[in-house]
Amino acid sequence: MNNPELSLPRSTGSNKLSTLFLYFVLSPLLCAFSGFHMMSYLLVGLYTWPRTSRVLVLTIGTLIFVYEFIFKSQAPQATSGKLLSQKQWVLYTSLIPFVCGVGALVALVRFSE
């Protein structure tokens, strides 16, 4: 049963496995990690140059990753009649895990008090 809403870029063999790994494992983990550490930086309040540069590099790296590997790889798919657009792929594979990372840290802070 092929669900057109969830169809991934067409590929064969190990390319399909790497695409699945990218969309459903690597991207959510990287975005959740980034959200967790960015919120940690904001909540702790120690705004030193090493911590600031670390968070900036992590944020810029995550934005580049999402743009290059998630958003741009969906460009040919957007015109082929798929129900999920580029923005929806970014939302489901990147933005929601980022917010979950932020929420995880906020929950840890609330429960530790």
C-alpha atoms as a PDB file:
ATOM      1  CA  MET A   1       0.000   0.000   0.000  1.00  0.00           C
ATOM      2  CA  ASN A   2       1.585   3.200  -1.142  1.00  0.00           C
ATOM      3  CA  ASN A   3       0.438   6.260   0.674  1.00  0.00           C
ATOM      4  CA  PRO A   4       1.172   9.296  -1.535  1.00  0.00           C
ATOM      5  CA  GLU A   5       1.348  11.541   1.507  1.00  0.00           C
ATOM      6  CA  LEU A   6       4.349   9.730   2.908  1.00  0.00           C
ATOM      7  CA  SER A   7       6.231   8.884  -0.258  1.00  0.00           C
ATOM      8  CA  LEU A   8       9.944   9.559  -0.180  1.00  0.00           C
ATOM      9  CA  PRO A   9      12.222  10.471  -3.058  1.00  0.00           C
ATOM     10  CA  ARG A  10      12.456   7.597  -5.496  1.00  0.00           C
ATOM     11  CA  SER A  11      15.674   5.707  -5.085  1.00  0.00           C
ATOM     12  CA  THR A  12      16.854   2.138  -5.127  1.00  0.00           C
ATOM     13  CA  GLY A  13      18.929  -0.074  -2.900  1.00  0.00           C
ATOM     14  CA  SER A  14      21.200   1.590  -0.402  1.00  0.00           C
ATOM     15  CA  ASN A  15      20.127   5.065  -1.548  1.00  0.00           C
ATOM     16  CA  LYS A  16      16.611   4.365  -0.303  1.00  0.00           C
ATOM     17  CA  LEU A  17      17.978   3.170   3.040  1.00  0.00           C
ATOM     18  CA  SER A  18      20.149   6.261   3.399  1.00  0.00           C
ATOM     19  CA  THR A  19      17.173   8.485   2.506  1.00  0.00           C
ATOM     20  CA  LEU A  20      15.039   6.817   5.156  1.00  0.00           C
ATOM     21  CA  PHE A  21      17.871   7.191   7.678  1.00  0.00           C
ATOM     22  CA  LEU A  22      18.260  10.878   6.787  1.00  0.00           C
ATOM     23  CA  TYR A  23      14.563  11.767   7.050  1.00  0.00           C
ATOM     24  CA  PHE A  24      13.470   9.640   9.988  1.00  0.00           C
ATOM     25  CA  VAL A  25      16.592   9.263  12.166  1.00  0.00           C
ATOM     26  CA  LEU A  26      19.359  11.772  11.505  1.00  0.00           C
ATOM     27  CA  SER A  27      17.313  14.903  10.893  1.00  0.00           C
ATOM     28  CA  PRO A  28      14.996  14.534  13.911  1.00  0.00           C
ATOM     29  CA  LEU A  29      17.893  13.661  16.231  1.00  0.00           C
ATOM     30  CA  LEU A  30      20.038  16.555  15.028  1.00  0.00           C
ATOM     31  CA  CYS A  31      17.177  19.043  15.308  1.00  0.00           C
ATOM     32  CA  ALA A  32      16.126  17.807  18.766  1.00  0.00           C
ATOM     33  CA  PHE A  33      19.758  18.022  19.948  1.00  0.00           C
ATOM     34  CA  SER A  34      20.033  21.538  18.551  1.00  0.00           C
ATOM     35  CA  GLY A  35      16.795  22.667  20.195  1.00  0.00           C
ATOM     36  CA  PHE A  36      17.814  21.142  23.531  1.00  0.00           C
ATOM     37  CA  HIS A  37      21.198  22.884  23.582  1.00  0.00           C
ATOM     38  CA  MET A  38      19.905  26.209  22.313  1.00  0.00           C
ATOM     39  CA  MET A  39      17.312  26.319  25.074  1.00  0.00           C
ATOM     40  CA  SER A  40      19.974  25.267  27.578  1.00  0.00           C
ATOM     41  CA  TYR A  41      22.056  28.244  26.505  1.00  0.00           C
ATOM     42  CA  LEU A  42      19.109  30.608  26.897  1.00  0.00           C
ATOM     43  CA  LEU A  43      17.947  29.265  30.272  1.00  0.00           C
ATOM     44  CA  VAL A  44      21.335  29.022  32.008  1.00  0.00           C
ATOM     45  CA  GLY A  45      22.201  32.655  31.371  1.00  0.00           C
ATOM     46  CA  LEU A  46      26.000  32.248  31.133  1.00  0.00           C
ATOM     47  CA  TYR A  47      26.551  34.222  27.975  1.00  0.00           C
ATOM     48  CA  THR A  48      30.284  33.788  27.457  1.00  0.00           C
ATOM     49  CA  TRP A  49      31.926  33.924  24.048  1.00  0.00           C
ATOM     50  CA  PRO A  50      32.738  30.162  23.879  1.00  0.00           C
ATOM     51  CA  ARG A  51      29.150  29.156  24.697  1.00  0.00           C
ATOM     52  CA  THR A  52      27.715  31.788  22.365  1.00  0.00           C
ATOM     53  CA  SER A  53      29.925  30.705  19.469  1.00  0.00           C
ATOM     54  CA  ARG A  54      29.071  27.038  20.091  1.00  0.00           C
ATOM     55  CA  VAL A  55      25.345  27.755  19.949  1.00  0.00           C
ATOM     56  CA  LEU A  56      25.722  29.963  16.869  1.00  0.00           C
ATOM     57  CA  VAL A  57      27.703  27.291  15.024  1.00  0.00           C
ATOM     58  CA  LEU A  58      25.195  24.608  16.048  1.00  0.00           C
ATOM     59  CA  THR A  59      22.273  26.766  14.889  1.00  0.00           C
ATOM     60  CA  ILE A  60      23.863  27.744  11.578  1.00  0.00           C
ATOM     61  CA  GLY A  61      24.936  24.142  10.957  1.00  0.00           C
ATOM     62  CA  THR A  62      21.429  22.896  11.620  1.00  0.00           C
ATOM     63  CA  LEU A  63      19.900  25.517   9.319  1.00  0.00           C
ATOM     64  CA  ILE A  64      22.332  24.571   6.524  1.00  0.00           C
ATOM     65  CA  PHE A  65      21.606  20.872   7.048  1.00  0.00           C
ATOM     66  CA  VAL A  66      17.848  21.405   6.900  1.00  0.00           C
ATOM     67  CA  TYR A  67      18.067  23.625   3.825  1.00  0.00           C
ATOM     68  CA  GLU A  68      20.489  21.449   1.850  1.00  0.00           C
ATOM     69  CA  PHE A  69      19.306  17.956   2.719  1.00  0.00           C
ATOM     70  CA  ILE A  70      15.633  18.341   3.576  1.00  0.00           C
ATOM     71  CA  PHE A  71      14.261  21.393   1.767  1.00  0.00           C
ATOM     72  CA  LYS A  72      16.276  21.229  -1.469  1.00  0.00           C
ATOM     73  CA  SER A  73      15.972  17.462  -1.850  1.00  0.00           C
ATOM     74  CA  GLN A  74      12.185  17.840  -1.905  1.00  0.00           C
ATOM     75  CA  ALA A  75      12.205  20.441  -4.732  1.00  0.00           C
ATOM     76  CA  PRO A  76      11.662  17.941  -7.589  1.00  0.00           C
ATOM     77  CA  GLN A  77       9.010  16.177  -5.505  1.00  0.00           C
ATOM     78  CA  ALA A  78       6.936  19.314  -4.947  1.00  0.00           C
ATOM     79  CA  THR A  79       5.992  19.585  -8.610  1.00  0.00           C
ATOM     80  CA  SER A  80       5.212  15.904  -9.124  1.00  0.00           C
ATOM     81  CA  GLY A  81       1.824  16.011  -7.401  1.00  0.00           C
ATOM     82  CA  LYS A  82       2.814  14.799  -3.934  1.00  0.00           C
ATOM     83  CA  LEU A  83       0.533  15.888  -1.134  1.00  0.00           C
ATOM     84  CA  LEU A  84       3.362  16.881   1.225  1.00  0.00           C
ATOM     85  CA  SER A  85       5.108  20.067   0.178  1.00  0.00           C
ATOM     86  CA  GLN A  86       8.676  21.099   0.935  1.00  0.00           C
ATOM     87  CA  LYS A  87       7.517  23.160   3.888  1.00  0.00           C
ATOM     88  CA  GLN A  88       5.601  20.226   5.336  1.00  0.00           C
ATOM     89  CA  TRP A  89       8.668  17.976   5.082  1.00  0.00           C
ATOM     90  CA  VAL A  90      10.727  20.609   6.903  1.00  0.00           C
ATOM     91  CA  LEU A  91       7.991  20.911   9.529  1.00  0.00           C
ATOM     92  CA  TYR A  92       7.701  17.162  10.161  1.00  0.00           C
ATOM     93  CA  THR A  93      11.386  16.216   9.982  1.00  0.00           C
ATOM     94  CA  SER A  94      13.026  19.306  11.461  1.00  0.00           C
ATOM     95  CA  LEU A  95      10.824  21.875  13.172  1.00  0.00           C
ATOM     96  CA  ILE A  96       8.727  19.514  15.292  1.00  0.00           C
ATOM     97  CA  PRO A  97      11.827  17.633  16.597  1.00  0.00           C
ATOM     98  CA  PHE A  98      13.491  21.003  17.343  1.00  0.00           C
ATOM     99  CA  VAL A  99      10.471  22.064  19.411  1.00  0.00           C
ATOM    100  CA  CYS A 100      10.475  18.659  21.129  1.00  0.00           C
ATOM    101  CA  GLY A 101      14.124  19.210  22.115  1.00  0.00           C
ATOM    102  CA  VAL A 102      13.235  22.610  23.558  1.00  0.00           C
ATOM    103  CA  GLY A 103      10.256  21.087  25.355  1.00  0.00           C
ATOM    104  CA  ALA A 104      12.384  18.256  26.762  1.00  0.00           C
ATOM    105  CA  LEU A 105      14.742  20.717  28.432  1.00  0.00           C
ATOM    106  CA  VAL A 106      11.887  22.855  29.756  1.00  0.00           C
ATOM    107  CA  ALA A 107      10.245  19.712  31.173  1.00  0.00           C
ATOM    108  CA  LEU A 108      13.523  18.658  32.821  1.00  0.00           C
ATOM    109  CA  VAL A 109      13.872  22.084  34.405  1.00  0.00           C
ATOM    110  CA  ARG A 110      10.284  22.087  35.675  1.00  0.00           C
ATOM    111  CA  PHE A 111      10.501  18.573  37.148  1.00  0.00           C
ATOM    112  CA  SER A 112      13.870  19.183  38.803  1.00  0.00           C
ATOM    113  CA  GLU A 113      12.582  22.138  40.843  1.00  0.00           C
END
